[in-house]
Amino acid sequence: MSALFLLSERQMARISPFFPLPHGVPRVDDRRVVSGIVYVIKHGLQWKDAPKAYGPHKTLYNRFIRWSRLGVFDRIFASLAGEGPRPERIMIDATHLKAHRTAASLLKRGLLPRFIGRTKGGMNSKLHAVCDEKGRPLVLLLTEGQLSDHKGAALVLDALPDARALIADKGYDSAWFRQVLEDKGISPCIPSSRSRKRPYPYDRALYRERHRIENLFAKLKDWRRIATRYDRCAHTFFSAILIAATVIFWLPQQ
């Protein structure tokens, strides 16, 4: 077990208060099971291929699905991301996550949306993110791949943290978005699109920091089950994204 990934005692102490209370039969070791879930998501494995040291693969899968439906991973991410100090600057952007044929080729069933759409790059989902000046995610949102950046920005407006400035690329250049930010007391640092006759001024030195949100997406896509969507249900795939974001950015490494 020493050669495999294992969450530290300090990391478990941060997230264990959000775990559901066991009922009846004592639950299998949380540290081992959650570490196994993280290992599978990071390496892009099928659940049946999880190392035996983490225990039965059905236990890993069932725990992941059950806690995903209960919103456990949502609460862990929201709580840890909200503990940080008020950010001076925030950044917003979106990226496409390719949907594997096992997820994209199935007919939609049930009332809940799958959040898989078609673009020029094929079938995919779209991850919208807001991060702080250190490139740590504060708000994450999953939508269909064809949803525009503007519509995604409108969906996260209410969740934007208080900040002095917001950095975004020219894909977010619109009068209504700038006005909403200014009404919130946030100064937009967004270059104007080529079609705009009167370009808006912006801080070019500040705009150079936008690479941090690109680095955020790159780190998330290092996890193979994030870079390619294998999960049929949107809530399980989004839970995998939240697990990756929590482990990479919000859990102490020691």
Protein backbone atom coordinates (compact mmCIF):
# COMPACT_ATOMS: atom_id res chain seq x y z
CA MET A 1 0.00 0.00 0.00
CA SER A 2 2.98 2.28 0.54
CA ALA A 3 3.64 2.49 -3.22
CA LEU A 4 0.09 3.67 -3.93
CA PHE A 5 -1.55 7.04 -3.38
CA LEU A 6 -2.88 7.48 0.14
CA LEU A 7 -4.39 10.60 1.64
CA SER A 8 -2.48 11.83 4.67
CA GLU A 9 -3.97 12.06 8.15
CA ARG A 10 -3.95 15.84 7.85
CA GLN A 11 -5.84 15.71 4.55
CA MET A 12 -8.40 13.32 5.96
CA ALA A 13 -8.91 15.60 8.95
CA ARG A 14 -9.92 18.40 6.56
CA ILE A 15 -12.53 16.41 4.64
CA SER A 16 -13.83 13.79 7.08
CA PRO A 17 -16.27 16.19 8.84
CA PHE A 18 -18.28 16.25 5.60
CA PHE A 19 -18.66 12.47 5.38
CA PRO A 20 -22.11 11.03 6.15
CA LEU A 21 -22.48 9.34 9.52
CA PRO A 22 -22.41 5.53 9.31
CA HIS A 23 -25.61 3.69 10.08
CA GLY A 24 -25.72 0.15 11.36
CA VAL A 25 -22.67 -1.82 10.22
CA PRO A 26 -19.42 0.21 10.59
CA ARG A 27 -18.20 1.63 7.29
CA VAL A 28 -15.09 0.33 5.54
CA ASP A 29 -11.96 2.42 6.22
CA ASP A 30 -12.73 5.87 4.76
CA ARG A 31 -9.09 6.74 4.18
CA ARG A 32 -8.44 3.66 2.07
CA VAL A 33 -11.66 3.93 0.06
CA VAL A 34 -11.44 7.65 -0.68
CA SER A 35 -7.77 7.26 -1.65
CA GLY A 36 -8.81 4.50 -4.05
CA ILE A 37 -11.46 6.74 -5.61
CA VAL A 38 -8.85 9.47 -6.11
CA TYR A 39 -6.43 6.95 -7.65
CA VAL A 40 -9.00 5.68 -10.17
CA ILE A 41 -10.02 9.21 -11.25
CA LYS A 42 -6.44 10.42 -11.58
CA HIS A 43 -5.21 7.47 -13.64
CA GLY A 44 -8.32 7.03 -15.76
CA LEU A 45 -8.90 3.42 -14.76
CA GLN A 46 -12.03 1.37 -14.97
CA TRP A 47 -13.28 0.66 -11.48
CA LYS A 48 -12.60 -3.05 -11.87
CA ASP A 49 -8.91 -2.24 -12.54
CA ALA A 50 -8.38 -0.44 -9.23
CA PRO A 51 -5.42 -1.90 -7.29
CA LYS A 52 -6.47 -4.64 -4.89
CA ALA A 53 -4.81 -2.80 -2.01
CA TYR A 54 -7.71 -0.35 -2.00
CA GLY A 55 -10.21 -3.15 -1.37
CA PRO A 56 -13.07 -4.44 -3.54
CA HIS A 57 -13.63 -2.25 -6.59
CA LYS A 58 -17.40 -2.41 -6.05
CA THR A 59 -16.90 -0.71 -2.70
CA LEU A 60 -15.00 2.13 -4.36
CA TYR A 61 -17.61 2.52 -7.08
CA ASN A 62 -20.62 2.32 -4.77
CA ARG A 63 -19.10 4.81 -2.33
CA PHE A 64 -18.32 7.24 -5.16
CA ILE A 65 -21.80 7.02 -6.67
CA ARG A 66 -23.63 7.21 -3.34
CA TRP A 67 -21.69 10.18 -2.01
CA SER A 68 -21.93 11.90 -5.37
CA ARG A 69 -25.71 11.70 -5.23
CA LEU A 70 -25.66 12.98 -1.64
CA GLY A 71 -23.59 16.01 -2.67
CA VAL A 72 -20.70 15.15 -0.35
CA PHE A 73 -18.00 16.17 -2.81
CA ASP A 74 -19.84 19.39 -3.65
CA ARG A 75 -19.86 20.39 0.01
CA ILE A 76 -16.20 19.52 0.51
CA PHE A 77 -15.10 21.67 -2.43
CA ALA A 78 -17.39 24.59 -1.58
CA SER A 79 -16.28 24.64 2.05
CA LEU A 80 -12.53 24.40 1.42
CA ALA A 81 -12.64 26.91 -1.45
CA GLY A 82 -14.61 29.32 0.72
CA GLU A 83 -12.13 29.23 3.62
CA GLY A 84 -9.50 31.27 1.82
CA PRO A 85 -9.06 35.04 2.16
CA ARG A 86 -10.96 37.46 -0.03
CA PRO A 87 -9.29 37.45 -3.46
CA GLU A 88 -8.02 40.70 -4.91
CA ARG A 89 -8.40 39.45 -8.47
CA ILE A 90 -10.48 36.69 -10.00
CA MET A 91 -10.37 35.13 -13.47
CA ILE A 92 -13.01 33.39 -15.55
CA ASP A 93 -12.68 31.04 -18.51
CA ALA A 94 -14.03 27.78 -19.92
CA THR A 95 -12.63 24.65 -21.53
CA HIS A 96 -14.01 21.65 -23.42
CA LEU A 97 -13.80 18.11 -22.04
CA LYS A 98 -14.17 15.40 -24.65
CA ALA A 99 -16.92 12.86 -24.04
CA HIS A 100 -15.93 9.25 -24.70
CA ARG A 101 -18.27 7.21 -26.87
CA THR A 102 -19.40 5.19 -23.84
CA ALA A 103 -20.91 8.38 -22.42
CA ALA A 104 -21.82 10.30 -25.58
CA SER A 105 -23.44 7.58 -27.68
CA LEU A 106 -26.19 6.71 -25.21
CA LEU A 107 -29.69 8.05 -25.58
CA LYS A 108 -30.74 10.57 -22.94
CA ARG A 109 -32.84 8.97 -20.21
CA GLY A 110 -34.48 10.52 -17.20
CA LEU A 111 -35.22 14.12 -16.33
CA LEU A 112 -31.69 15.24 -15.47
CA PRO A 113 -29.56 16.65 -18.32
CA ARG A 114 -26.35 14.87 -19.32
CA PHE A 115 -24.54 18.12 -20.21
CA ILE A 116 -23.07 16.66 -23.39
CA GLY A 117 -23.29 18.71 -26.58
CA ARG A 118 -21.92 18.74 -30.09
CA THR A 119 -19.33 21.23 -31.34
CA LYS A 120 -16.81 21.23 -34.18
CA GLY A 121 -14.60 19.09 -31.97
CA GLY A 122 -17.27 16.41 -31.56
CA MET A 123 -19.29 15.45 -28.50
CA ASN A 124 -18.09 17.13 -25.33
CA SER A 125 -18.94 18.91 -22.12
CA LYS A 126 -17.82 22.39 -21.10
CA LEU A 127 -16.28 23.33 -17.77
CA HIS A 128 -16.63 26.95 -16.68
CA ALA A 129 -14.31 28.08 -13.90
CA VAL A 130 -13.64 31.12 -11.73
CA CYS A 131 -10.32 31.17 -9.89
CA ASP A 132 -8.38 33.51 -7.60
CA GLU A 133 -5.09 35.26 -8.29
CA LYS A 134 -3.19 32.08 -7.35
CA GLY A 135 -5.05 29.99 -9.90
CA ARG A 136 -7.14 28.10 -7.34
CA PRO A 137 -10.72 27.32 -8.39
CA LEU A 138 -13.50 29.10 -6.52
CA VAL A 139 -16.51 28.33 -8.73
CA LEU A 140 -16.96 25.42 -11.15
CA LEU A 141 -19.87 24.77 -13.50
CA LEU A 142 -20.50 21.98 -16.02
CA THR A 143 -22.64 22.62 -19.13
CA GLU A 144 -23.16 21.32 -22.64
CA GLY A 145 -20.20 21.78 -24.95
CA GLN A 146 -22.00 24.19 -27.29
CA LEU A 147 -22.98 26.65 -24.56
CA SER A 148 -21.35 30.04 -25.16
CA ASP A 149 -18.94 31.61 -22.70
CA HIS A 150 -21.37 34.48 -22.18
CA LYS A 151 -24.22 32.20 -21.12
CA GLY A 152 -21.87 30.31 -18.83
CA ALA A 153 -20.73 33.59 -17.29
CA ALA A 154 -24.35 34.57 -16.67
CA LEU A 155 -24.90 31.33 -14.74
CA VAL A 156 -22.02 31.98 -12.33
CA LEU A 157 -22.58 35.71 -11.76
CA ASP A 158 -24.42 35.22 -8.48
CA ALA A 159 -21.59 33.03 -7.17
CA LEU A 160 -18.77 35.46 -8.00
CA PRO A 161 -16.76 36.36 -4.88
CA ASP A 162 -16.08 39.97 -3.99
CA ALA A 163 -12.95 41.14 -5.76
CA ARG A 164 -11.44 44.31 -7.14
CA ALA A 165 -10.89 43.05 -10.69
CA LEU A 166 -11.92 40.24 -13.01
CA ILE A 167 -9.63 39.05 -15.80
CA ALA A 168 -11.06 37.36 -18.89
CA ASP A 169 -10.24 36.98 -22.57
CA LYS A 170 -12.03 38.79 -25.39
CA GLY A 171 -14.63 36.02 -25.57
CA TYR A 172 -16.27 37.69 -22.57
CA ASP A 173 -16.28 41.15 -24.13
CA SER A 174 -19.85 42.37 -23.96
CA ALA A 175 -21.44 45.55 -22.66
CA TRP A 176 -23.92 43.75 -20.37
CA PHE A 177 -21.20 41.64 -18.72
CA ARG A 178 -19.01 44.68 -18.11
CA GLN A 179 -21.96 46.57 -16.65
CA VAL A 180 -22.88 43.74 -14.28
CA LEU A 181 -19.31 43.54 -13.04
CA GLU A 182 -19.14 47.27 -12.43
CA ASP A 183 -22.46 47.14 -10.57
CA LYS A 184 -20.85 44.53 -8.29
CA GLY A 185 -17.84 46.78 -7.73
CA ILE A 186 -15.55 44.58 -9.86
CA SER A 187 -13.33 46.25 -12.43
CA PRO A 188 -13.28 44.26 -15.71
CA CYS A 189 -9.89 43.57 -17.30
CA ILE A 190 -11.10 42.29 -20.66
CA PRO A 191 -9.59 43.14 -24.07
CA SER A 192 -12.07 44.26 -26.71
CA SER A 193 -13.00 42.07 -29.64
CA ARG A 194 -11.93 43.09 -33.14
CA SER A 195 -15.49 43.95 -34.10
CA ARG A 196 -15.75 46.69 -31.49
CA LYS A 197 -15.35 50.12 -33.08
CA ARG A 198 -14.37 51.82 -29.81
CA PRO A 199 -12.17 49.45 -27.81
CA TYR A 200 -12.40 49.51 -24.03
CA PRO A 201 -9.17 50.30 -22.18
CA TYR A 202 -7.72 47.56 -19.98
CA ASP A 203 -4.63 46.94 -17.87
CA ARG A 204 -2.25 44.98 -20.09
CA ALA A 205 0.14 44.18 -17.24
CA LEU A 206 -2.71 42.75 -15.16
CA TYR A 207 -4.04 40.78 -18.13
CA ARG A 208 -0.76 38.81 -18.28
CA GLU A 209 -1.85 36.99 -15.14
CA ARG A 210 -4.65 35.25 -17.06
CA HIS A 211 -2.34 32.30 -17.70
CA ARG A 212 -3.10 31.10 -14.17
CA ILE A 213 -6.57 29.91 -15.10
CA GLU A 214 -5.14 28.16 -18.15
CA ASN A 215 -2.72 26.41 -15.79
CA LEU A 216 -5.72 25.41 -13.67
CA PHE A 217 -7.33 23.64 -16.63
CA ALA A 218 -4.03 21.98 -17.52
CA LYS A 219 -3.65 20.57 -14.01
CA LEU A 220 -7.21 19.27 -14.00
CA LYS A 221 -6.73 17.60 -17.38
CA ASP A 222 -3.66 15.78 -16.07
CA TRP A 223 -6.28 13.56 -14.38
CA ARG A 224 -7.33 11.19 -17.13
CA ARG A 225 -10.97 10.76 -16.12
CA ILE A 226 -11.28 14.56 -16.25
CA ALA A 227 -9.60 15.10 -19.62
CA THR A 228 -11.93 12.48 -21.12
CA ARG A 229 -15.45 12.00 -19.83
CA TYR A 230 -16.36 8.35 -19.35
CA ASP A 231 -19.21 8.91 -16.89
CA ARG A 232 -22.71 8.76 -18.29
CA CYS A 233 -24.29 10.87 -15.57
CA ALA A 234 -23.38 14.53 -15.30
CA HIS A 235 -23.42 14.55 -11.50
CA THR A 236 -20.85 11.74 -11.23
CA PHE A 237 -18.56 13.37 -13.78
CA PHE A 238 -18.85 16.71 -12.02
CA SER A 239 -18.10 15.00 -8.71
CA ALA A 240 -14.90 13.64 -10.25
CA ILE A 241 -13.96 17.19 -11.28
CA LEU A 242 -14.62 18.46 -7.77
CA ILE A 243 -12.50 15.68 -6.26
CA ALA A 244 -9.61 16.53 -8.57
CA ALA A 245 -9.91 20.27 -7.86
CA THR A 246 -10.02 19.66 -4.11
CA VAL A 247 -7.01 17.35 -4.01
CA ILE A 248 -4.87 19.47 -6.35
CA PHE A 249 -5.62 22.93 -5.01
CA TRP A 250 -7.28 22.88 -1.59
CA LEU A 251 -5.85 20.00 0.41
CA PRO A 252 -2.51 20.43 2.18
CA GLN A 253 0.15 18.25 0.56
CA GLN A 254 1.75 17.17 3.84
